[in-house]
């Protein structure tokens, strides 16, 4: 049974990252939405990734451009990238 959907979490362009908060209980959760569905991401993993990104940006690394992403996924993760979401 589908739950109540909040319009603030509509995803216009996949993938999307949703930070969901419950004000009354003071709790949060983060979800990544792709064409395959929604996956929960533990905050610790996100915080670690943000710290690593900030560290690399401080030493002038740049974000890989669209044409470099597949190469990085294959070379460092041994993964075959999924098709575009468009």
PDB file of N, CA and C in Angstrom:
ATOM      1  N   UNK A   1       0.846  -1.181   0.000  1.00  0.00           N
ATOM      2  CA  UNK A   1       0.000   0.000   0.000  1.00  0.00           C
ATOM      3  C   UNK A   1       0.889   1.241   0.000  1.00  0.00           C
ATOM      4  N   UNK A   2       0.764   2.089  -0.996  1.00  0.00           N
ATOM      5  CA  UNK A   2       1.584   3.297  -1.046  1.00  0.00           C
ATOM      6  C   UNK A   2       1.275   4.237   0.108  1.00  0.00           C
ATOM      7  N   UNK A   3       2.316   4.928   0.575  1.00  0.00           N
ATOM      8  CA  UNK A   3       2.141   5.880   1.659  1.00  0.00           C
ATOM      9  C   UNK A   3       1.753   7.244   1.127  1.00  0.00           C
ATOM     10  N   UNK A   4       1.539   8.168   2.037  1.00  0.00           N
ATOM     11  CA  UNK A   4       1.203   9.543   1.674  1.00  0.00           C
ATOM     12  C   UNK A   4       2.431  10.182   1.024  1.00  0.00           C
ATOM     13  N   UNK A   5       2.262  10.797  -0.120  1.00  0.00           N
ATOM     14  CA  UNK A   5       3.382  11.414  -0.835  1.00  0.00           C
ATOM     15  C   UNK A   5       3.337  12.915  -0.633  1.00  0.00           C
ATOM     16  N   UNK A   6       4.450  13.472  -0.215  1.00  0.00           N
ATOM     17  CA  UNK A   6       4.570  14.910   0.009  1.00  0.00           C
ATOM     18  C   UNK A   6       5.123  15.549  -1.263  1.00  0.00           C
ATOM     19  N   UNK A   7       4.425  16.530  -1.787  1.00  0.00           N
ATOM     20  CA  UNK A   7       4.826  17.174  -3.045  1.00  0.00           C
ATOM     21  C   UNK A   7       6.225  17.775  -2.997  1.00  0.00           C
ATOM     22  N   UNK A   8       6.732  18.150  -1.817  1.00  0.00           N
ATOM     23  CA  UNK A   8       8.065  18.740  -1.735  1.00  0.00           C
ATOM     24  C   UNK A   8       9.149  17.746  -2.153  1.00  0.00           C
ATOM     25  N   UNK A   9       8.816  16.467  -2.206  1.00  0.00           N
ATOM     26  CA  UNK A   9       9.799  15.451  -2.562  1.00  0.00           C
ATOM     27  C   UNK A   9       9.643  14.962  -3.998  1.00  0.00           C
ATOM     28  N   UNK A  10       8.921  15.696  -4.826  1.00  0.00           N
ATOM     29  CA  UNK A  10       8.829  15.333  -6.233  1.00  0.00           C
ATOM     30  C   UNK A  10      10.205  15.457  -6.855  1.00  0.00           C
ATOM     31  N   UNK A  11      10.517  14.524  -7.716  1.00  0.00           N
ATOM     32  CA  UNK A  11      11.826  14.493  -8.360  1.00  0.00           C
ATOM     33  C   UNK A  11      11.654  14.813  -9.833  1.00  0.00           C
ATOM     34  N   UNK A  12      12.109  15.987 -10.236  1.00  0.00           N
ATOM     35  CA  UNK A  12      11.955  16.411 -11.622  1.00  0.00           C
ATOM     36  C   UNK A  12      13.025  15.838 -12.537  1.00  0.00           C
ATOM     37  N   UNK A  13      14.211  15.570 -11.985  1.00  0.00           N
ATOM     38  CA  UNK A  13      15.324  15.069 -12.800  1.00  0.00           C
ATOM     39  C   UNK A  13      16.124  14.059 -11.979  1.00  0.00           C
ATOM     40  N   UNK A  14      16.015  12.798 -12.352  1.00  0.00           N
ATOM     41  CA  UNK A  14      16.717  11.729 -11.630  1.00  0.00           C
ATOM     42  C   UNK A  14      18.207  11.776 -11.886  1.00  0.00           C
ATOM     43  N   UNK A  15      19.018  11.333 -10.952  1.00  0.00           N
ATOM     44  CA  UNK A  15      18.681  10.891  -9.609  1.00  0.00           C
ATOM     45  C   UNK A  15      18.444  12.080  -8.691  1.00  0.00           C
ATOM     46  N   UNK A  16      17.697  11.850  -7.603  1.00  0.00           N
ATOM     47  CA  UNK A  16      17.412  12.882  -6.606  1.00  0.00           C
ATOM     48  C   UNK A  16      17.834  12.392  -5.229  1.00  0.00           C
ATOM     49  N   UNK A  17      18.217  13.330  -4.406  1.00  0.00           N
ATOM     50  CA  UNK A  17      18.526  13.040  -3.008  1.00  0.00           C
ATOM     51  C   UNK A  17      17.460  13.738  -2.175  1.00  0.00           C
ATOM     52  N   UNK A  18      16.778  12.974  -1.341  1.00  0.00           N
ATOM     53  CA  UNK A  18      15.721  13.506  -0.491  1.00  0.00           C
ATOM     54  C   UNK A  18      16.159  13.466   0.969  1.00  0.00           C
ATOM     55  N   UNK A  19      16.123  14.608   1.632  1.00  0.00           N
ATOM     56  CA  UNK A  19      16.364  14.680   3.071  1.00  0.00           C
ATOM     57  C   UNK A  19      14.990  14.836   3.709  1.00  0.00           C
ATOM     58  N   UNK A  20      14.574  13.800   4.428  1.00  0.00           N
ATOM     59  CA  UNK A  20      13.245  13.755   5.019  1.00  0.00           C
ATOM     60  C   UNK A  20      13.383  13.981   6.522  1.00  0.00           C
ATOM     61  N   UNK A  21      12.596  14.907   7.050  1.00  0.00           N
ATOM     62  CA  UNK A  21      12.679  15.197   8.485  1.00  0.00           C
ATOM     63  C   UNK A  21      11.309  15.084   9.135  1.00  0.00           C
ATOM     64  N   UNK A  22      11.335  14.629  10.360  1.00  0.00           N
ATOM     65  CA  UNK A  22      10.143  14.513  11.190  1.00  0.00           C
ATOM     66  C   UNK A  22      10.331  15.505  12.330  1.00  0.00           C
ATOM     67  N   UNK A  23       9.673  16.653  12.229  1.00  0.00           N
ATOM     68  CA  UNK A  23       9.863  17.734  13.189  1.00  0.00           C
ATOM     69  C   UNK A  23       9.454  17.307  14.597  1.00  0.00           C
ATOM     70  N   UNK A  24       8.339  16.651  14.709  1.00  0.00           N
ATOM     71  CA  UNK A  24       7.820  16.270  16.025  1.00  0.00           C
ATOM     72  C   UNK A  24       8.777  15.347  16.767  1.00  0.00           C
ATOM     73  N   UNK A  25       9.363  14.390  16.065  1.00  0.00           N
ATOM     74  CA  UNK A  25      10.270  13.426  16.705  1.00  0.00           C
ATOM     75  C   UNK A  25      11.743  13.767  16.522  1.00  0.00           C
ATOM     76  N   UNK A  26      12.016  14.872  15.822  1.00  0.00           N
ATOM     77  CA  UNK A  26      13.393  15.339  15.585  1.00  0.00           C
ATOM     78  C   UNK A  26      14.279  14.225  15.013  1.00  0.00           C
ATOM     79  N   UNK A  27      13.839  13.653  13.892  1.00  0.00           N
ATOM     80  CA  UNK A  27      14.619  12.601  13.244  1.00  0.00           C
ATOM     81  C   UNK A  27      14.702  12.901  11.745  1.00  0.00           C
ATOM     82  N   UNK A  28      15.758  12.414  11.143  1.00  0.00           N
ATOM     83  CA  UNK A  28      15.958  12.625   9.705  1.00  0.00           C
ATOM     84  C   UNK A  28      16.403  11.326   9.049  1.00  0.00           C
ATOM     85  N   UNK A  29      16.161  11.262   7.760  1.00  0.00           N
ATOM     86  CA  UNK A  29      16.631  10.143   6.948  1.00  0.00           C
ATOM     87  C   UNK A  29      16.904  10.691   5.551  1.00  0.00           C
ATOM     88  N   UNK A  30      17.863  10.077   4.869  1.00  0.00           N
ATOM     89  CA  UNK A  30      18.205  10.488   3.514  1.00  0.00           C
ATOM     90  C   UNK A  30      17.959   9.313   2.573  1.00  0.00           C
ATOM     91  N   UNK A  31      17.346   9.628   1.431  1.00  0.00           N
ATOM     92  CA  UNK A  31      17.029   8.625   0.425  1.00  0.00           C
ATOM     93  C   UNK A  31      17.549   9.089  -0.928  1.00  0.00           C
ATOM     94  N   UNK A  32      18.032   8.153  -1.724  1.00  0.00           N
ATOM     95  CA  UNK A  32      18.447   8.432  -3.089  1.00  0.00           C
ATOM     96  C   UNK A  32      17.408   7.789  -4.000  1.00  0.00           C
ATOM     97  N   UNK A  33      16.837   8.582  -4.878  1.00  0.00           N
ATOM     98  CA  UNK A  33      15.820   8.100  -5.806  1.00  0.00           C
ATOM     99  C   UNK A  33      16.417   7.978  -7.199  1.00  0.00           C
ATOM    100  N   UNK A  34      16.270   6.801  -7.795  1.00  0.00           N
ATOM    101  CA  UNK A  34      16.687   6.555  -9.171  1.00  0.00           C
ATOM    102  C   UNK A  34      15.498   5.984  -9.940  1.00  0.00           C
ATOM    103  N   UNK A  35      15.701   5.667 -11.186  1.00  0.00           N
ATOM    104  CA  UNK A  35      14.617   5.072 -11.968  1.00  0.00           C
ATOM    105  C   UNK A  35      14.255   3.685 -11.451  1.00  0.00           C
ATOM    106  N   UNK A  36      15.131   3.076 -10.649  1.00  0.00           N
ATOM    107  CA  UNK A  36      14.859   1.757 -10.078  1.00  0.00           C
ATOM    108  C   UNK A  36      14.116   1.821  -8.753  1.00  0.00           C
ATOM    109  N   UNK A  37      13.990   2.999  -8.167  1.00  0.00           N
ATOM    110  CA  UNK A  37      13.308   3.129  -6.892  1.00  0.00           C
ATOM    111  C   UNK A  37      14.066   4.025  -5.940  1.00  0.00           C
ATOM    112  N   UNK A  38      13.811   3.826  -4.646  1.00  0.00           N
ATOM    113  CA  UNK A  38      14.383   4.667  -3.599  1.00  0.00           C
ATOM    114  C   UNK A  38      15.219   3.804  -2.670  1.00  0.00           C
ATOM    115  N   UNK A  39      16.418   4.313  -2.315  1.00  0.00           N
ATOM    116  CA  UNK A  39      17.322   3.599  -1.424  1.00  0.00           C
ATOM    117  C   UNK A  39      17.674   4.514  -0.255  1.00  0.00           C
ATOM    118  N   UNK A  40      17.610   3.966   0.956  1.00  0.00           N
ATOM    119  CA  UNK A  40      18.008   4.691   2.150  1.00  0.00           C
ATOM    120  C   UNK A  40      19.529   4.784   2.196  1.00  0.00           C
ATOM    121  N   UNK A  41      20.049   5.945   2.594  1.00  0.00           N
ATOM    122  CA  UNK A  41      21.488   6.137   2.765  1.00  0.00           C
ATOM    123  C   UNK A  41      21.765   6.540   4.202  1.00  0.00           C
ATOM    124  N   UNK A  42      22.554   5.750   4.932  1.00  0.00           N
ATOM    125  CA  UNK A  42      22.890   6.125   6.313  1.00  0.00           C
ATOM    126  C   UNK A  42      23.632   7.463   6.350  1.00  0.00           C
ATOM    127  N   UNK A  43      23.289   8.287   7.323  1.00  0.00           N
ATOM    128  CA  UNK A  43      23.901   9.612   7.438  1.00  0.00           C
ATOM    129  C   UNK A  43      25.413   9.537   7.564  1.00  0.00           C
ATOM    130  N   UNK A  44      25.923   8.560   8.263  1.00  0.00           N
ATOM    131  CA  UNK A  44      27.370   8.423   8.444  1.00  0.00           C
ATOM    132  C   UNK A  44      28.072   8.303   7.083  1.00  0.00           C
ATOM    133  N   UNK A  45      27.497   7.543   6.168  1.00  0.00           N
ATOM    134  CA  UNK A  45      28.097   7.406   4.835  1.00  0.00           C
ATOM    135  C   UNK A  45      28.081   8.738   4.090  1.00  0.00           C
ATOM    136  N   UNK A  46      27.002   9.473   4.225  1.00  0.00           N
ATOM    137  CA  UNK A  46      26.896  10.769   3.558  1.00  0.00           C
ATOM    138  C   UNK A  46      27.874  11.760   4.162  1.00  0.00           C
ATOM    139  N   UNK A  47      27.959  11.789   5.490  1.00  0.00           N
ATOM    140  CA  UNK A  47      28.892  12.699   6.159  1.00  0.00           C
ATOM    141  C   UNK A  47      30.335  12.376   5.791  1.00  0.00           C
ATOM    142  N   UNK A  48      30.673  11.098   5.730  1.00  0.00           N
ATOM    143  CA  UNK A  48      32.027  10.698   5.328  1.00  0.00           C
ATOM    144  C   UNK A  48      32.328  11.127   3.895  1.00  0.00           C
ATOM    145  N   UNK A  49      31.354  10.935   3.011  1.00  0.00           N
ATOM    146  CA  UNK A  49      31.534  11.332   1.612  1.00  0.00           C
ATOM    147  C   UNK A  49      31.694  12.845   1.492  1.00  0.00           C
ATOM    148  N   UNK A  50      30.888  13.601   2.231  1.00  0.00           N
ATOM    149  CA  UNK A  50      30.990  15.069   2.193  1.00  0.00           C
ATOM    150  C   UNK A  50      32.345  15.541   2.702  1.00  0.00           C
ATOM    151  N   UNK A  51      32.845  14.907   3.741  1.00  0.00           N
ATOM    152  CA  UNK A  51      34.171  15.263   4.265  1.00  0.00           C
ATOM    153  C   UNK A  51      35.247  14.989   3.228  1.00  0.00           C
ATOM    154  N   UNK A  52      35.148  13.842   2.565  1.00  0.00           N
ATOM    155  CA  UNK A  52      36.141  13.476   1.538  1.00  0.00           C
ATOM    156  C   UNK A  52      36.076  14.446   0.360  1.00  0.00           C
ATOM    157  N   UNK A  53      34.880  14.806  -0.051  1.00  0.00           N
ATOM    158  CA  UNK A  53      34.711  15.765  -1.149  1.00  0.00           C
ATOM    159  C   UNK A  53      35.330  17.102  -0.773  1.00  0.00           C
ATOM    160  N   UNK A  54      35.052  17.584   0.429  1.00  0.00           N
ATOM    161  CA  UNK A  54      35.597  18.875   0.874  1.00  0.00           C
ATOM    162  C   UNK A  54      37.118  18.824   0.899  1.00  0.00           C
ATOM    163  N   UNK A  55      37.673  17.716   1.365  1.00  0.00           N
ATOM    164  CA  UNK A  55      39.137  17.551   1.406  1.00  0.00           C
ATOM    165  C   UNK A  55      39.732  17.615   0.003  1.00  0.00           C
ATOM    166  N   UNK A  56      39.122  16.928  -0.941  1.00  0.00           N
ATOM    167  CA  UNK A  56      39.628  16.930  -2.319  1.00  0.00           C
ATOM    168  C   UNK A  56      39.451  18.286  -2.987  1.00  0.00           C
ATOM    169  N   UNK A  57      38.340  18.963  -2.708  1.00  0.00           N
ATOM    170  CA  UNK A  57      38.127  20.294  -3.283  1.00  0.00           C
ATOM    171  C   UNK A  57      39.162  21.288  -2.769  1.00  0.00           C
ATOM    172  N   UNK A  58      39.565  21.144  -1.507  1.00  0.00           N
ATOM    173  CA  UNK A  58      40.580  22.045  -0.940  1.00  0.00           C
ATOM    174  C   UNK A  58      41.902  21.934  -1.693  1.00  0.00           C
ATOM    175  N   UNK A  59      42.184  20.749  -2.234  1.00  0.00           N
ATOM    176  CA  UNK A  59      43.443  20.581  -2.974  1.00  0.00           C
ATOM    177  C   UNK A  59      43.195  20.616  -4.489  1.00  0.00           C
ATOM    178  N   UNK A  60      42.103  21.313  -4.854  1.00  0.00           N
ATOM    179  CA  UNK A  60      41.807  21.698  -6.239  1.00  0.00           C
ATOM    180  C   UNK A  60      41.404  20.556  -7.161  1.00  0.00           C
ATOM    181  N   UNK A  61      40.836  19.491  -6.627  1.00  0.00           N
ATOM    182  CA  UNK A  61      40.215  18.494  -7.503  1.00  0.00           C
ATOM    183  C   UNK A  61      38.937  19.101  -8.050  1.00  0.00           C
ATOM    184  N   UNK A  62      38.524  18.647  -9.211  1.00  0.00           N
ATOM    185  CA  UNK A  62      37.283  19.117  -9.821  1.00  0.00           C
ATOM    186  C   UNK A  62      36.332  17.935  -9.977  1.00  0.00           C
ATOM    187  N   UNK A  63      35.067  18.237 -10.135  1.00  0.00           N
ATOM    188  CA  UNK A  63      34.095  17.179 -10.401  1.00  0.00           C
ATOM    189  C   UNK A  63      34.328  16.651 -11.812  1.00  0.00           C
ATOM    190  N   UNK A  64      34.288  15.338 -11.959  1.00  0.00           N
ATOM    191  CA  UNK A  64      34.429  14.729 -13.281  1.00  0.00           C
ATOM    192  C   UNK A  64      33.287  15.199 -14.165  1.00  0.00           C
ATOM    193  N   UNK A  65      33.608  15.457 -15.421  1.00  0.00           N
ATOM    194  CA  UNK A  65      32.528  15.868 -16.316  1.00  0.00           C
ATOM    195  C   UNK A  65      31.785  14.641 -16.829  1.00  0.00           C
ATOM    196  N   UNK A  66      30.702  14.906 -17.519  1.00  0.00           N
ATOM    197  CA  UNK A  66      29.784  13.864 -17.975  1.00  0.00           C
ATOM    198  C   UNK A  66      30.504  12.741 -18.738  1.00  0.00           C
ATOM    199  N   UNK A  67      31.496  13.095 -19.534  1.00  0.00           N
ATOM    200  CA  UNK A  67      32.185  12.110 -20.372  1.00  0.00           C
ATOM    201  C   UNK A  67      33.230  11.297 -19.610  1.00  0.00           C
ATOM    202  N   UNK A  68      33.560  11.688 -18.404  1.00  0.00           N
ATOM    203  CA  UNK A  68      34.579  10.989 -17.611  1.00  0.00           C
ATOM    204  C   UNK A  68      33.994  10.009 -16.594  1.00  0.00           C
ATOM    205  N   UNK A  69      32.721  10.107 -16.332  1.00  0.00           N
ATOM    206  CA  UNK A  69      32.102   9.325 -15.265  1.00  0.00           C
ATOM    207  C   UNK A  69      32.161   7.829 -15.523  1.00  0.00           C
ATOM    208  N   UNK A  70      31.850   7.398 -16.737  1.00  0.00           N
ATOM    209  CA  UNK A  70      31.888   5.967 -17.053  1.00  0.00           C
ATOM    210  C   UNK A  70      33.286   5.392 -16.846  1.00  0.00           C
ATOM    211  N   UNK A  71      34.292   6.129 -17.282  1.00  0.00           N
ATOM    212  CA  UNK A  71      35.682   5.693 -17.119  1.00  0.00           C
ATOM    213  C   UNK A  71      36.024   5.498 -15.641  1.00  0.00           C
ATOM    214  N   UNK A  72      35.641   6.448 -14.813  1.00  0.00           N
ATOM    215  CA  UNK A  72      35.932   6.349 -13.380  1.00  0.00           C
ATOM    216  C   UNK A  72      35.211   5.164 -12.744  1.00  0.00           C
ATOM    217  N   UNK A  73      33.964   4.939 -13.128  1.00  0.00           N
ATOM    218  CA  UNK A  73      33.201   3.808 -12.576  1.00  0.00           C
ATOM    219  C   UNK A  73      33.864   2.480 -12.932  1.00  0.00           C
ATOM    220  N   UNK A  74      34.302   2.362 -14.172  1.00  0.00           N
ATOM    221  CA  UNK A  74      34.956   1.112 -14.596  1.00  0.00           C
ATOM    222  C   UNK A  74      36.321   0.934 -13.938  1.00  0.00           C
ATOM    223  N   UNK A  75      37.116   1.984 -13.950  1.00  0.00           N
ATOM    224  CA  UNK A  75      38.499   1.889 -13.489  1.00  0.00           C
ATOM    225  C   UNK A  75      38.614   1.694 -11.979  1.00  0.00           C
ATOM    226  N   UNK A  76      37.841   2.437 -11.202  1.00  0.00           N
ATOM    227  CA  UNK A  76      38.025   2.428  -9.759  1.00  0.00           C
ATOM    228  C   UNK A  76      36.998   1.599  -8.994  1.00  0.00           C
ATOM    229  N   UNK A  77      35.830   1.398  -9.575  1.00  0.00           N
ATOM    230  CA  UNK A  77      34.783   0.643  -8.885  1.00  0.00           C
ATOM    231  C   UNK A  77      34.532  -0.720  -9.514  1.00  0.00           C
ATOM    232  N   UNK A  78      35.130  -0.949 -10.670  1.00  0.00           N
ATOM    233  CA  UNK A  78      34.912  -2.186 -11.423  1.00  0.00           C
ATOM    234  C   UNK A  78      33.421  -2.407 -11.660  1.00  0.00           C
ATOM    235  N   UNK A  79      32.736  -1.322 -12.013  1.00  0.00           N
ATOM    236  CA  UNK A  79      31.300  -1.354 -12.257  1.00  0.00           C
ATOM    237  C   UNK A  79      30.998  -0.847 -13.657  1.00  0.00           C
ATOM    238  N   UNK A  80      29.981  -1.415 -14.238  1.00  0.00           N
ATOM    239  CA  UNK A  80      29.512  -0.942 -15.530  1.00  0.00           C
ATOM    240  C   UNK A  80      28.395   0.064 -15.263  1.00  0.00           C
ATOM    241  N   UNK A  81      28.553   1.293 -15.711  1.00  0.00           N
ATOM    242  CA  UNK A  81      27.543   2.312 -15.440  1.00  0.00           C
ATOM    243  C   UNK A  81      26.170   1.940 -16.013  1.00  0.00           C
ATOM    244  N   UNK A  82      25.116   2.410 -15.351  1.00  0.00           N
ATOM    245  CA  UNK A  82      23.762   2.191 -15.856  1.00  0.00           C
ATOM    246  C   UNK A  82      23.478   3.203 -16.953  1.00  0.00           C
ATOM    247  N   UNK A  83      22.437   2.937 -17.710  1.00  0.00           N
ATOM    248  CA  UNK A  83      22.050   3.847 -18.784  1.00  0.00           C
ATOM    249  C   UNK A  83      21.640   5.190 -18.206  1.00  0.00           C
ATOM    250  N   UNK A  84      21.685   6.207 -19.053  1.00  0.00           N
ATOM    251  CA  UNK A  84      21.252   7.546 -18.643  1.00  0.00           C
ATOM    252  C   UNK A  84      19.821   7.521 -18.155  1.00  0.00           C
ATOM    253  N   UNK A  85      19.477   8.462 -17.295  1.00  0.00           N
ATOM    254  CA  UNK A  85      18.123   8.557 -16.771  1.00  0.00           C
ATOM    255  C   UNK A  85      17.200   9.333 -17.689  1.00  0.00           C
ATOM    256  N   UNK A  86      17.743   9.988 -18.684  1.00  0.00           N
ATOM    257  CA  UNK A  86      16.915  10.820 -19.579  1.00  0.00           C
ATOM    258  C   UNK A  86      15.954   9.982 -20.372  1.00  0.00           C
TER     259      UNK A  86
END
